[in-house]
Amino acid sequence: MSCEKFGQIYRASPKEVDRVFTSWAQGFMSGYNFSTMQRRQFRDLAATSTTDQMTHMLVYCETHPSATFAQAVLELYSGLPLRRTEN
């Protein structure tokens, strides 16, 4: 979905969209984290609140309307702190 479309949907129903899209983003980032475990590293998804994460994605989408929502999530993900696994 384009960021422009996401913004339109969000403005129409912010609470519902926040819940659904935040859940999707968390799942997407969790899956991406899982794929990096072989390198013994991951992004700390709990470093910021889900409210702050949604704000980040909204701002990204407002400034990049032709991008996809997934790109907004990846932009958020890449800015989260990188951590190493203990094993």
C-alpha atoms as a PDB file:
ATOM      1  CA  MET A   1       0.000   0.000   0.000  1.00  0.00           C
ATOM      2  CA  SER A   2       1.297   3.465  -0.801  1.00  0.00           C
ATOM      3  CA  CYS A   3       2.054   5.907   1.974  1.00  0.00           C
ATOM      4  CA  GLU A   4      -0.452   8.272   0.418  1.00  0.00           C
ATOM      5  CA  LYS A   5      -3.230   5.673   0.699  1.00  0.00           C
ATOM      6  CA  PHE A   6      -2.144   4.782   4.224  1.00  0.00           C
ATOM      7  CA  GLY A   7      -2.421   8.457   5.214  1.00  0.00           C
ATOM      8  CA  GLN A   8      -5.922   8.684   3.759  1.00  0.00           C
ATOM      9  CA  ILE A   9      -7.055   5.596   5.634  1.00  0.00           C
ATOM     10  CA  TYR A  10      -5.399   6.787   8.831  1.00  0.00           C
ATOM     11  CA  ARG A  11      -7.126  10.173   8.718  1.00  0.00           C
ATOM     12  CA  ALA A  12     -10.495   8.439   8.293  1.00  0.00           C
ATOM     13  CA  SER A  13     -10.065   6.080  11.264  1.00  0.00           C
ATOM     14  CA  PRO A  14      -6.888   6.735  13.261  1.00  0.00           C
ATOM     15  CA  LYS A  15      -7.525   4.429  16.230  1.00  0.00           C
ATOM     16  CA  GLU A  16      -8.430   1.393  14.139  1.00  0.00           C
ATOM     17  CA  VAL A  17      -5.645   1.993  11.634  1.00  0.00           C
ATOM     18  CA  ASP A  18      -3.150   2.550  14.442  1.00  0.00           C
ATOM     19  CA  ARG A  19      -4.037  -0.811  15.981  1.00  0.00           C
ATOM     20  CA  VAL A  20      -4.004  -2.796  12.744  1.00  0.00           C
ATOM     21  CA  PHE A  21      -0.977  -1.202  11.094  1.00  0.00           C
ATOM     22  CA  THR A  22       1.103  -1.157  14.273  1.00  0.00           C
ATOM     23  CA  SER A  23       0.397  -4.872  14.704  1.00  0.00           C
ATOM     24  CA  TRP A  24       1.377  -5.538  11.103  1.00  0.00           C
ATOM     25  CA  ALA A  25       4.557  -3.458  11.443  1.00  0.00           C
ATOM     26  CA  GLN A  26       5.536  -5.281  14.653  1.00  0.00           C
ATOM     27  CA  GLY A  27       5.051  -8.651  12.951  1.00  0.00           C
ATOM     28  CA  PHE A  28       6.989  -7.563   9.877  1.00  0.00           C
ATOM     29  CA  MET A  29       9.893  -6.266  11.968  1.00  0.00           C
ATOM     30  CA  SER A  30       9.852  -9.382  14.162  1.00  0.00           C
ATOM     31  CA  GLY A  31      10.138 -11.555  11.068  1.00  0.00           C
ATOM     32  CA  TYR A  32      12.957  -9.412   9.738  1.00  0.00           C
ATOM     33  CA  ASN A  33      14.697  -9.702  13.106  1.00  0.00           C
ATOM     34  CA  PHE A  34      14.375 -13.464  12.959  1.00  0.00           C
ATOM     35  CA  SER A  35      16.108 -13.492   9.579  1.00  0.00           C
ATOM     36  CA  THR A  36      19.137 -11.697  11.063  1.00  0.00           C
ATOM     37  CA  MET A  37      19.622 -14.070  13.983  1.00  0.00           C
ATOM     38  CA  GLN A  38      22.187 -16.157  12.088  1.00  0.00           C
ATOM     39  CA  ARG A  39      24.453 -13.088  12.274  1.00  0.00           C
ATOM     40  CA  ARG A  40      23.810 -12.959  16.024  1.00  0.00           C
ATOM     41  CA  GLN A  41      22.221  -9.539  15.887  1.00  0.00           C
ATOM     42  CA  PHE A  42      18.792  -7.977  15.972  1.00  0.00           C
ATOM     43  CA  ARG A  43      17.069  -4.604  16.177  1.00  0.00           C
ATOM     44  CA  ASP A  44      15.601  -3.709  19.556  1.00  0.00           C
ATOM     45  CA  LEU A  45      11.889  -3.335  18.774  1.00  0.00           C
ATOM     46  CA  ALA A  46      11.190  -2.313  22.367  1.00  0.00           C
ATOM     47  CA  ALA A  47      13.602   0.639  22.228  1.00  0.00           C
ATOM     48  CA  THR A  48      10.706   2.955  21.384  1.00  0.00           C
ATOM     49  CA  SER A  49       7.025   2.779  22.185  1.00  0.00           C
ATOM     50  CA  THR A  50       4.573   1.612  19.556  1.00  0.00           C
ATOM     51  CA  THR A  51       3.067   5.116  19.711  1.00  0.00           C
ATOM     52  CA  ASP A  52       6.427   6.632  18.786  1.00  0.00           C
ATOM     53  CA  GLN A  53       6.884   3.999  16.096  1.00  0.00           C
ATOM     54  CA  MET A  54       3.526   4.879  14.532  1.00  0.00           C
ATOM     55  CA  THR A  55       4.416   8.562  14.664  1.00  0.00           C
ATOM     56  CA  HIS A  56       7.669   7.806  12.852  1.00  0.00           C
ATOM     57  CA  MET A  57       5.835   5.885  10.139  1.00  0.00           C
ATOM     58  CA  LEU A  58       3.212   8.626   9.763  1.00  0.00           C
ATOM     59  CA  VAL A  59       5.866  11.326   9.392  1.00  0.00           C
ATOM     60  CA  TYR A  60       7.752   9.189   6.892  1.00  0.00           C
ATOM     61  CA  CYS A  61       4.618   8.617   4.867  1.00  0.00           C
ATOM     62  CA  GLU A  62       3.665  12.295   4.929  1.00  0.00           C
ATOM     63  CA  THR A  63       7.064  13.225   3.503  1.00  0.00           C
ATOM     64  CA  HIS A  64       7.245  10.254   1.095  1.00  0.00           C
ATOM     65  CA  PRO A  65       3.689   9.778  -0.257  1.00  0.00           C
ATOM     66  CA  SER A  66       4.812   7.661  -3.212  1.00  0.00           C
ATOM     67  CA  ALA A  67       6.723   5.233  -0.967  1.00  0.00           C
ATOM     68  CA  THR A  68       5.062   2.114   0.373  1.00  0.00           C
ATOM     69  CA  PHE A  69       4.010   1.571   3.952  1.00  0.00           C
ATOM     70  CA  ALA A  70       6.521  -1.303   4.070  1.00  0.00           C
ATOM     71  CA  GLN A  71       9.264   1.191   3.203  1.00  0.00           C
ATOM     72  CA  ALA A  72       8.139   3.336   6.140  1.00  0.00           C
ATOM     73  CA  VAL A  73       8.420   0.296   8.398  1.00  0.00           C
ATOM     74  CA  LEU A  74      11.876  -0.572   7.053  1.00  0.00           C
ATOM     75  CA  GLU A  75      12.973   3.028   7.616  1.00  0.00           C
ATOM     76  CA  LEU A  76      11.787   2.758  11.222  1.00  0.00           C
ATOM     77  CA  TYR A  77      13.437  -0.640  11.621  1.00  0.00           C
ATOM     78  CA  SER A  78      16.814   0.535  10.333  1.00  0.00           C
ATOM     79  CA  GLY A  79      16.857   3.319  12.917  1.00  0.00           C
ATOM     80  CA  LEU A  80      16.245   1.044  15.896  1.00  0.00           C
ATOM     81  CA  PRO A  81      19.282   0.133  18.036  1.00  0.00           C
ATOM     82  CA  LEU A  82      21.256  -2.878  16.866  1.00  0.00           C
ATOM     83  CA  ARG A  83      21.844  -5.461  19.581  1.00  0.00           C
ATOM     84  CA  ARG A  84      23.896  -8.647  19.702  1.00  0.00           C
ATOM     85  CA  THR A  85      22.587 -11.978  20.888  1.00  0.00           C
ATOM     86  CA  GLU A  86      24.317 -13.434  23.928  1.00  0.00           C
ATOM     87  CA  ASN A  87      25.034 -16.869  22.433  1.00  0.00           C
END
